[in-house]
């Protein structure tokens, strides 16, 4: 299959990247790809930024006419590649405007693939179809869960369970858990402030940049917003914490660079478990579920993990084929709590109890605790290391494209409700 470029007019909404996450799926060495798809052309685009995309956006007005004709009549498909993002359709409206753009411009939606890491996108699109049509209509292909496959871009050298134990024994220090933040999102900042006031900061490897006055005000507002926050910290108290304690640095002091692709394996050897502060804590009425590289990096390093993210995110790992960590943490007690503050506070009580136990133990006992449920750690490591999800996405993509051009379309990614 061939990726073709120079398809767009100059615009402020979409662009054609030199490389994108979709490329490894397009070029994957499956039998379908090798035998049937050598003459297929791909147009691959991405968003410049979300705010530029509106409900009324007609994506095809930015296409050169000859490229639009290829999409209409040629052996050509379009991929809108947002593999690193998990935006809610409630806010972005991407699938709706993309669907409507296809209808308006005579492009078959079945030739369009939307790659996203919002795990709720396909179900939301299905609701849109069901709500707006009383009969079956051709629909876009919504390819979810792409972030899981991002790790296949940066393969780590294989490591056995026994080697991992040896490294942990060699490098483990007084830090009991890892809590990475990097970017200053208000609930991540709240979580790190809670570590400080609960005297857990000395037991944690934490990354947290200094705050601007605007970010301090946002944190102050978060404390006052929740009815469960017994202490409403003032702006002055939070500013003192910022001025005297921050930044917390465990990896790189450069907080402006996105270090998502960095492995940081040593930090996982030094600590016993991860408290993952996810990108978003708000699920926008059940329309968004996004899991970032922080969760999957912990899995790749056989780290037991507990996630502070969108409601139900710890349980949602099961839907992706992973094993969850109930044997280490009582995720039932907090995972479906609506209030963000209470969700983290309930988590924090568990973290504190675990740390109180671990800090009294010998190195041998600590390592035994970390690796006590090897089957969970090994299952999740193996699933990621062997790129199971990435291979499945590539095969679905190739089979869907082949079926379309064979005039026997069978969408593999999402079901139109009227097909059931």
Protein backbone atom coordinates (compact mmCIF):
# COMPACT_ATOMS: atom_id res chain seq x y z
CA UNK A 1 0.00 0.00 0.00
CA UNK A 2 1.20 3.48 -0.80
CA UNK A 3 0.93 6.64 1.28
CA UNK A 4 0.47 9.64 -1.01
CA UNK A 5 1.16 13.27 -0.08
CA UNK A 6 0.40 16.83 -1.25
CA UNK A 7 -3.34 16.26 -1.12
CA UNK A 8 -4.31 19.38 0.83
CA UNK A 9 -4.73 23.06 0.21
CA UNK A 10 -3.22 25.42 2.75
CA UNK A 11 -5.50 25.55 5.81
CA UNK A 12 -5.50 25.94 9.62
CA UNK A 13 -7.32 22.70 10.53
CA UNK A 14 -5.59 19.59 9.10
CA UNK A 15 -2.14 18.66 7.80
CA UNK A 16 -0.22 15.70 6.37
CA UNK A 17 2.50 14.50 8.79
CA UNK A 18 5.69 12.93 7.46
CA UNK A 19 5.16 10.06 9.86
CA UNK A 20 2.11 9.04 11.88
CA UNK A 21 1.04 6.26 14.21
CA UNK A 22 -1.13 4.85 11.42
CA UNK A 23 1.90 4.00 9.28
CA UNK A 24 2.79 0.81 11.12
CA UNK A 25 -0.77 -0.46 10.63
CA UNK A 26 -0.80 0.52 6.95
CA UNK A 27 2.56 -1.16 6.27
CA UNK A 28 2.23 -4.16 8.59
CA UNK A 29 3.31 -7.43 7.03
CA UNK A 30 0.03 -9.35 6.99
CA UNK A 31 -0.89 -11.87 4.34
CA UNK A 32 -3.83 -9.72 3.22
CA UNK A 33 -1.56 -6.72 2.76
CA UNK A 34 1.08 -8.62 0.83
CA UNK A 35 -1.31 -10.46 -1.48
CA UNK A 36 -4.11 -8.02 -2.22
CA UNK A 37 -3.41 -4.40 -1.35
CA UNK A 38 -0.28 -3.39 -3.24
CA UNK A 39 -2.18 -0.94 -5.45
CA UNK A 40 -4.16 0.79 -2.68
CA UNK A 41 -3.37 4.47 -2.06
CA UNK A 42 -3.63 6.11 1.37
CA UNK A 43 -4.23 9.74 2.19
CA UNK A 44 -3.24 10.29 5.81
CA UNK A 45 -4.10 13.46 7.74
CA UNK A 46 -3.99 14.81 11.27
CA UNK A 47 -5.40 17.78 13.18
CA UNK A 48 -3.39 20.93 13.76
CA UNK A 49 -5.33 21.46 16.99
CA UNK A 50 -8.75 20.48 18.25
CA UNK A 51 -10.26 23.94 18.64
CA UNK A 52 -10.01 24.47 14.89
CA UNK A 53 -12.43 21.58 14.28
CA UNK A 54 -16.07 22.58 14.56
CA UNK A 55 -19.28 20.66 14.05
CA UNK A 56 -19.82 22.47 10.76
CA UNK A 57 -16.28 21.73 9.52
CA UNK A 58 -16.26 20.27 6.02
CA UNK A 59 -12.97 18.44 5.92
CA UNK A 60 -13.03 17.99 2.16
CA UNK A 61 -13.02 21.70 1.42
CA UNK A 62 -9.32 21.55 2.31
CA UNK A 63 -8.59 18.82 -0.29
CA UNK A 64 -7.24 19.41 -3.76
CA UNK A 65 -9.82 18.40 -6.35
CA UNK A 66 -7.71 15.60 -7.87
CA UNK A 67 -7.21 14.01 -4.43
CA UNK A 68 -10.91 14.27 -3.67
CA UNK A 69 -11.65 12.52 -6.95
CA UNK A 70 -9.28 9.70 -5.96
CA UNK A 71 -11.25 9.25 -2.76
CA UNK A 72 -14.54 9.25 -4.60
CA UNK A 73 -13.69 6.92 -7.45
CA UNK A 74 -10.19 5.45 -7.04
CA UNK A 75 -8.58 2.64 -5.07
CA UNK A 76 -7.87 5.13 -2.34
CA UNK A 77 -8.78 5.42 1.35
CA UNK A 78 -8.52 8.21 3.91
CA UNK A 79 -7.12 7.92 7.43
CA UNK A 80 -7.71 10.64 10.00
CA UNK A 81 -4.97 9.75 12.44
CA UNK A 82 -5.31 10.94 16.04
CA UNK A 83 -3.60 7.95 17.61
CA UNK A 84 -2.23 9.81 20.64
CA UNK A 85 -5.46 11.54 21.70
CA UNK A 86 -8.66 10.44 23.40
CA UNK A 87 -10.99 13.39 22.92
CA UNK A 88 -14.65 12.97 23.76
CA UNK A 89 -17.01 13.31 20.76
CA UNK A 90 -19.20 15.36 23.10
CA UNK A 91 -16.62 18.13 22.76
CA UNK A 92 -14.80 17.49 19.49
CA UNK A 93 -17.72 16.41 17.22
CA UNK A 94 -15.14 14.91 14.85
CA UNK A 95 -17.03 11.78 13.81
CA UNK A 96 -20.29 13.66 13.22
CA UNK A 97 -18.74 16.35 11.02
CA UNK A 98 -16.59 13.74 9.25
CA UNK A 99 -19.68 11.65 8.49
CA UNK A 100 -21.57 14.69 7.24
CA UNK A 101 -18.60 15.78 5.11
CA UNK A 102 -18.64 12.40 3.38
CA UNK A 103 -22.36 12.69 2.58
CA UNK A 104 -22.00 16.27 1.34
CA UNK A 105 -19.04 15.50 -0.95
CA UNK A 106 -19.99 12.09 -2.31
CA UNK A 107 -17.23 10.20 -0.48
CA UNK A 108 -18.16 6.71 0.69
CA UNK A 109 -17.78 6.74 4.52
CA UNK A 110 -16.61 3.12 4.35
CA UNK A 111 -13.38 4.37 2.76
CA UNK A 112 -12.66 6.59 5.77
CA UNK A 113 -10.86 5.39 8.92
CA UNK A 114 -10.73 7.44 12.11
CA UNK A 115 -7.89 6.28 14.39
CA UNK A 116 -8.35 7.42 17.98
CA UNK A 117 -7.44 6.39 21.50
CA UNK A 118 -10.87 7.24 22.88
CA UNK A 119 -12.24 3.81 23.72
CA UNK A 120 -15.83 5.12 23.67
CA UNK A 121 -15.75 6.68 20.19
CA UNK A 122 -17.35 3.81 18.26
CA UNK A 123 -20.27 3.44 20.66
CA UNK A 124 -20.90 7.20 20.59
CA UNK A 125 -20.86 7.17 16.78
CA UNK A 126 -23.31 4.28 16.80
CA UNK A 127 -25.66 6.35 19.01
CA UNK A 128 -25.39 9.21 16.52
CA UNK A 129 -26.35 6.91 13.62
CA UNK A 130 -29.23 5.37 15.54
CA UNK A 131 -30.53 8.80 16.57
CA UNK A 132 -30.38 10.35 13.11
CA UNK A 133 -31.33 7.56 10.69
CA UNK A 134 -34.28 5.20 10.66
CA UNK A 135 -32.50 2.77 8.34
CA UNK A 136 -29.06 1.36 7.63
CA UNK A 137 -26.50 3.82 6.26
CA UNK A 138 -22.89 3.31 5.27
CA UNK A 139 -20.66 4.37 8.15
CA UNK A 140 -17.12 5.41 8.99
CA UNK A 141 -14.61 2.93 10.37
CA UNK A 142 -13.78 3.90 13.97
CA UNK A 143 -10.49 2.34 15.04
CA UNK A 144 -10.13 2.62 18.83
CA UNK A 145 -7.52 1.66 21.42
CA UNK A 146 -4.58 2.87 19.35
CA UNK A 147 -2.48 4.12 22.27
CA UNK A 148 -1.92 0.53 23.35
CA UNK A 149 -0.01 -0.02 20.14
CA UNK A 150 2.22 3.02 20.56
CA UNK A 151 4.66 0.97 22.64
CA UNK A 152 5.44 -1.11 19.58
CA UNK A 153 7.11 1.99 18.14
CA UNK A 154 9.67 1.96 20.96
CA UNK A 155 10.38 -1.72 21.62
CA UNK A 156 12.19 -2.37 24.87
CA UNK A 157 14.70 -5.22 25.02
CA UNK A 158 13.07 -8.40 26.33
CA UNK A 159 13.52 -9.08 30.01
CA UNK A 160 12.52 -12.14 32.00
CA UNK A 161 10.68 -12.12 35.30
CA UNK A 162 13.79 -13.36 37.09
CA UNK A 163 15.93 -10.61 35.56
CA UNK A 164 13.36 -8.06 36.65
CA UNK A 165 13.53 -9.34 40.22
CA UNK A 166 17.32 -9.12 40.14
CA UNK A 167 17.24 -5.52 38.92
CA UNK A 168 14.69 -4.61 41.57
CA UNK A 169 16.88 -6.11 44.26
CA UNK A 170 19.90 -4.19 42.95
CA UNK A 171 18.33 -0.78 42.41
CA UNK A 172 15.39 -0.49 44.83
CA UNK A 173 15.87 2.43 47.21
CA UNK A 174 13.79 4.18 49.86
CA UNK A 175 11.20 5.27 47.27
CA UNK A 176 8.24 2.89 47.39
CA UNK A 177 6.14 4.05 44.45
CA UNK A 178 6.24 6.07 41.25
CA UNK A 179 3.79 8.92 40.57
CA UNK A 180 4.63 10.75 37.34
CA UNK A 181 2.91 13.94 36.21
CA UNK A 182 5.02 16.03 33.87
CA UNK A 183 2.26 18.36 32.62
CA UNK A 184 0.41 20.44 35.19
CA UNK A 185 -3.17 19.25 34.99
CA UNK A 186 -5.12 20.42 38.03
CA UNK A 187 -6.12 17.02 39.43
CA UNK A 188 -2.60 15.67 38.98
CA UNK A 189 -1.36 18.67 40.95
CA UNK A 190 -3.97 17.98 43.63
CA UNK A 191 -2.77 14.37 43.86
CA UNK A 192 0.82 15.48 44.39
CA UNK A 193 -0.20 18.08 46.96
CA UNK A 194 -2.09 15.36 48.80
CA UNK A 195 1.10 13.27 48.94
CA UNK A 196 2.86 16.23 50.53
CA UNK A 197 0.25 16.97 53.22
CA UNK A 198 -0.11 13.24 54.03
CA UNK A 199 3.65 12.85 54.54
CA UNK A 200 3.98 10.38 51.67
CA UNK A 201 6.19 12.49 49.46
CA UNK A 202 9.36 11.00 50.97
CA UNK A 203 8.25 7.54 49.90
CA UNK A 204 7.35 8.52 46.32
CA UNK A 205 9.23 9.30 43.14
CA UNK A 206 7.19 12.23 41.86
CA UNK A 207 7.50 14.54 38.88
CA UNK A 208 5.78 17.91 39.21
CA UNK A 209 6.72 21.26 37.67
CA UNK A 210 6.29 24.58 39.46
CA UNK A 211 2.87 26.19 39.15
CA UNK A 212 1.82 29.51 37.70
CA UNK A 213 -0.52 31.70 39.75
CA UNK A 214 -3.33 30.65 37.40
CA UNK A 215 -2.64 26.97 38.16
CA UNK A 216 -2.55 27.67 41.91
CA UNK A 217 -5.96 29.36 41.64
CA UNK A 218 -7.27 26.31 39.74
CA UNK A 219 -6.01 24.00 42.50
CA UNK A 220 -7.57 26.24 45.15
CA UNK A 221 -10.88 26.07 43.25
CA UNK A 222 -10.68 22.26 43.09
CA UNK A 223 -10.39 22.02 46.88
CA UNK A 224 -13.35 24.35 47.36
CA UNK A 225 -15.47 22.60 44.72
CA UNK A 226 -15.57 19.17 46.33
CA UNK A 227 -17.88 18.67 49.32
CA UNK A 228 -15.54 15.90 50.48
CA UNK A 229 -12.44 18.08 50.95
CA UNK A 230 -12.41 18.63 54.71
CA UNK A 231 -9.70 21.29 54.46
CA UNK A 232 -10.15 24.07 51.88
CA UNK A 233 -6.57 25.11 51.24
CA UNK A 234 -6.15 28.80 50.59
CA UNK A 235 -4.29 30.33 47.68
CA UNK A 236 -1.55 31.48 50.08
CA UNK A 237 -1.05 27.99 51.54
CA UNK A 238 -0.86 26.43 48.07
CA UNK A 239 1.52 29.12 46.86
CA UNK A 240 3.82 28.43 49.82
CA UNK A 241 3.90 24.74 48.85
CA UNK A 242 4.70 25.74 45.28
CA UNK A 243 7.46 28.16 46.26
CA UNK A 244 9.17 25.96 48.86
CA UNK A 245 8.69 22.40 47.54
CA UNK A 246 8.33 22.41 43.76
CA UNK A 247 9.50 21.25 41.34
CA UNK A 248 9.65 17.54 42.11
CA UNK A 249 12.08 15.97 39.64
CA UNK A 250 12.68 12.25 39.14
CA UNK A 251 13.37 12.05 35.43
CA UNK A 252 14.14 15.25 33.52
CA UNK A 253 14.08 18.86 34.78
CA UNK A 254 12.88 19.94 31.32
CA UNK A 255 9.11 20.00 31.81
CA UNK A 256 8.43 21.65 28.45
CA UNK A 257 9.43 18.58 26.43
CA UNK A 258 7.01 15.68 26.12
CA UNK A 259 9.01 12.65 27.29
CA UNK A 260 6.22 10.16 26.57
CA UNK A 261 8.49 8.06 24.37
CA UNK A 262 11.17 7.68 27.06
CA UNK A 263 11.33 4.31 28.77
CA UNK A 264 12.77 5.35 32.17
CA UNK A 265 13.16 1.68 33.11
CA UNK A 266 15.41 2.43 36.09
CA UNK A 267 12.59 4.29 37.87
CA UNK A 268 10.50 1.12 37.79
CA UNK A 269 13.38 -0.96 39.18
CA UNK A 270 13.84 1.52 42.02
CA UNK A 271 10.18 1.48 43.11
CA UNK A 272 7.61 -1.21 43.93
CA UNK A 273 4.38 0.01 42.30
CA UNK A 274 2.95 2.83 40.21
CA UNK A 275 0.24 5.34 40.99
CA UNK A 276 -0.66 6.41 37.45
CA UNK A 277 -2.00 9.96 37.14
CA UNK A 278 -3.83 9.76 33.84
CA UNK A 279 -4.33 12.54 31.30
CA UNK A 280 -8.02 13.09 32.04
CA UNK A 281 -10.20 12.44 35.07
CA UNK A 282 -13.44 13.61 33.42
CA UNK A 283 -15.33 11.11 31.24
CA UNK A 284 -17.74 13.69 29.76
CA UNK A 285 -20.91 11.81 30.59
CA UNK A 286 -19.48 8.40 29.73
CA UNK A 287 -18.35 9.46 26.23
CA UNK A 288 -14.60 9.25 26.82
CA UNK A 289 -12.12 6.66 28.08
CA UNK A 290 -8.47 7.42 27.44
CA UNK A 291 -5.49 5.49 28.80
CA UNK A 292 -2.07 6.99 28.15
CA UNK A 293 1.45 5.62 27.88
CA UNK A 294 1.93 5.96 31.68
CA UNK A 295 -0.34 2.97 32.31
CA UNK A 296 1.21 0.82 29.59
CA UNK A 297 4.79 1.70 30.56
CA UNK A 298 4.08 0.40 34.06
CA UNK A 299 2.78 -2.83 32.53
CA UNK A 300 5.86 -3.10 30.32
CA UNK A 301 7.99 -2.93 33.45
CA UNK A 302 5.88 -5.48 35.36
CA UNK A 303 4.90 -2.81 37.87
CA UNK A 304 1.73 -3.32 39.90
CA UNK A 305 -0.37 -0.23 39.23
CA UNK A 306 -3.35 1.75 40.45
CA UNK A 307 -4.83 4.45 38.19
CA UNK A 308 -6.24 7.85 39.08
CA UNK A 309 -8.13 8.61 35.89
CA UNK A 310 -11.61 8.61 34.44
CA UNK A 311 -14.33 6.83 36.38
CA UNK A 312 -14.01 3.05 36.02
CA UNK A 313 -10.62 3.13 34.29
CA UNK A 314 -9.04 0.45 36.49
CA UNK A 315 -11.83 -2.00 35.68
CA UNK A 316 -11.80 -0.99 32.00
CA UNK A 317 -8.41 -2.67 31.55
CA UNK A 318 -10.33 -5.95 31.47
CA UNK A 319 -12.23 -4.84 28.38
CA UNK A 320 -8.88 -4.46 26.61
CA UNK A 321 -7.82 -8.00 27.49
CA UNK A 322 -5.53 -7.11 30.39
CA UNK A 323 -5.65 -8.47 33.91
CA UNK A 324 -6.49 -5.97 36.63
CA UNK A 325 -4.75 -5.47 39.95
CA UNK A 326 -7.38 -6.34 42.58
CA UNK A 327 -4.88 -8.65 44.27
CA UNK A 328 -2.73 -5.61 45.09
CA UNK A 329 -5.36 -2.88 45.54
CA UNK A 330 -9.05 -2.67 46.39
CA UNK A 331 -10.03 -0.94 43.15
CA UNK A 332 -13.71 -1.62 43.81
CA UNK A 333 -13.67 0.87 46.68
CA UNK A 334 -12.94 3.96 44.56
CA UNK A 335 -12.94 3.26 40.81
CA UNK A 336 -16.57 4.25 40.13
CA UNK A 337 -16.68 7.22 42.50
CA UNK A 338 -18.01 10.33 40.72
CA UNK A 339 -16.25 12.97 42.82
CA UNK A 340 -12.63 13.30 41.70
CA UNK A 341 -11.37 14.41 45.09
CA UNK A 342 -13.04 11.54 46.93
CA UNK A 343 -11.83 9.06 44.29
CA UNK A 344 -8.23 10.03 44.90
CA UNK A 345 -8.63 10.36 48.68
CA UNK A 346 -9.95 6.79 48.86
CA UNK A 347 -7.03 5.62 46.73
CA UNK A 348 -4.62 7.53 48.95
CA UNK A 349 -5.77 5.74 52.10
CA UNK A 350 -4.82 2.45 50.45
CA UNK A 351 -1.50 3.81 49.27
CA UNK A 352 -0.73 5.06 52.77
CA UNK A 353 -1.56 1.69 54.35
CA UNK A 354 0.57 -0.17 51.80
CA UNK A 355 3.50 2.21 52.38
CA UNK A 356 3.19 1.84 56.16
CA UNK A 357 3.55 -1.91 55.70
CA UNK A 358 6.31 -1.83 53.10
CA UNK A 359 8.54 0.63 54.95
CA UNK A 360 8.83 -1.81 57.88
CA UNK A 361 9.82 -4.72 55.62
CA UNK A 362 13.18 -6.01 54.51
CA UNK A 363 14.30 -5.74 50.89
CA UNK A 364 13.48 -9.41 50.35
CA UNK A 365 9.95 -8.94 51.70
CA UNK A 366 9.38 -5.84 49.56
CA UNK A 367 10.41 -7.63 46.40
CA UNK A 368 8.18 -10.55 47.34
CA UNK A 369 5.26 -8.11 47.67
CA UNK A 370 5.89 -6.56 44.26
CA UNK A 371 6.08 -9.90 42.44
CA UNK A 372 3.55 -11.81 44.57
CA UNK A 373 1.12 -12.21 41.64
CA UNK A 374 3.43 -13.07 38.77
CA UNK A 375 0.65 -14.30 36.49
CA UNK A 376 -0.93 -10.81 36.40
CA UNK A 377 2.36 -9.04 35.75
CA UNK A 378 3.49 -11.54 33.13
CA UNK A 379 0.18 -11.61 31.24
CA UNK A 380 0.11 -7.83 30.81
CA UNK A 381 3.81 -7.60 29.96
CA UNK A 382 3.53 -10.33 27.34
CA UNK A 383 0.43 -8.83 25.73
CA UNK A 384 2.23 -5.51 25.27
CA UNK A 385 5.68 -6.82 24.37
CA UNK A 386 4.33 -9.01 21.59
CA UNK A 387 2.23 -6.10 20.24
CA UNK A 388 -0.91 -8.24 20.23
CA UNK A 389 -3.17 -5.24 19.90
CA UNK A 390 -1.09 -3.65 17.14
CA UNK A 391 -1.16 -6.84 15.10
CA UNK A 392 -4.95 -7.13 15.48
CA UNK A 393 -5.53 -3.52 14.39
CA UNK A 394 -3.38 -4.00 11.28
CA UNK A 395 -5.19 -7.19 10.29
CA UNK A 396 -8.62 -5.61 10.78
CA UNK A 397 -7.56 -2.61 8.72
CA UNK A 398 -6.32 -4.75 5.83
CA UNK A 399 -9.29 -7.11 5.87
CA UNK A 400 -11.76 -4.20 5.92
CA UNK A 401 -10.08 -2.48 2.96
CA UNK A 402 -9.90 -5.71 0.95
CA UNK A 403 -13.56 -6.47 1.56
CA UNK A 404 -14.55 -2.99 0.38
CA UNK A 405 -12.75 -3.25 -2.95
CA UNK A 406 -13.98 -6.83 -3.37
CA UNK A 407 -17.53 -5.40 -3.18
CA UNK A 408 -18.16 -7.54 -0.13
CA UNK A 409 -17.73 -4.97 2.63
CA UNK A 410 -17.32 -6.31 6.13
CA UNK A 411 -16.38 -3.63 8.67
CA UNK A 412 -14.22 -5.02 11.44
CA UNK A 413 -14.03 -2.03 13.77
CA UNK A 414 -17.54 -0.92 14.69
CA UNK A 415 -21.01 -2.20 14.06
CA UNK A 416 -23.73 -0.06 12.52
CA UNK A 417 -26.74 -0.56 14.84
CA UNK A 418 -29.01 -1.41 11.89
CA UNK A 419 -26.87 -4.42 10.96
CA UNK A 420 -27.88 -6.21 14.18
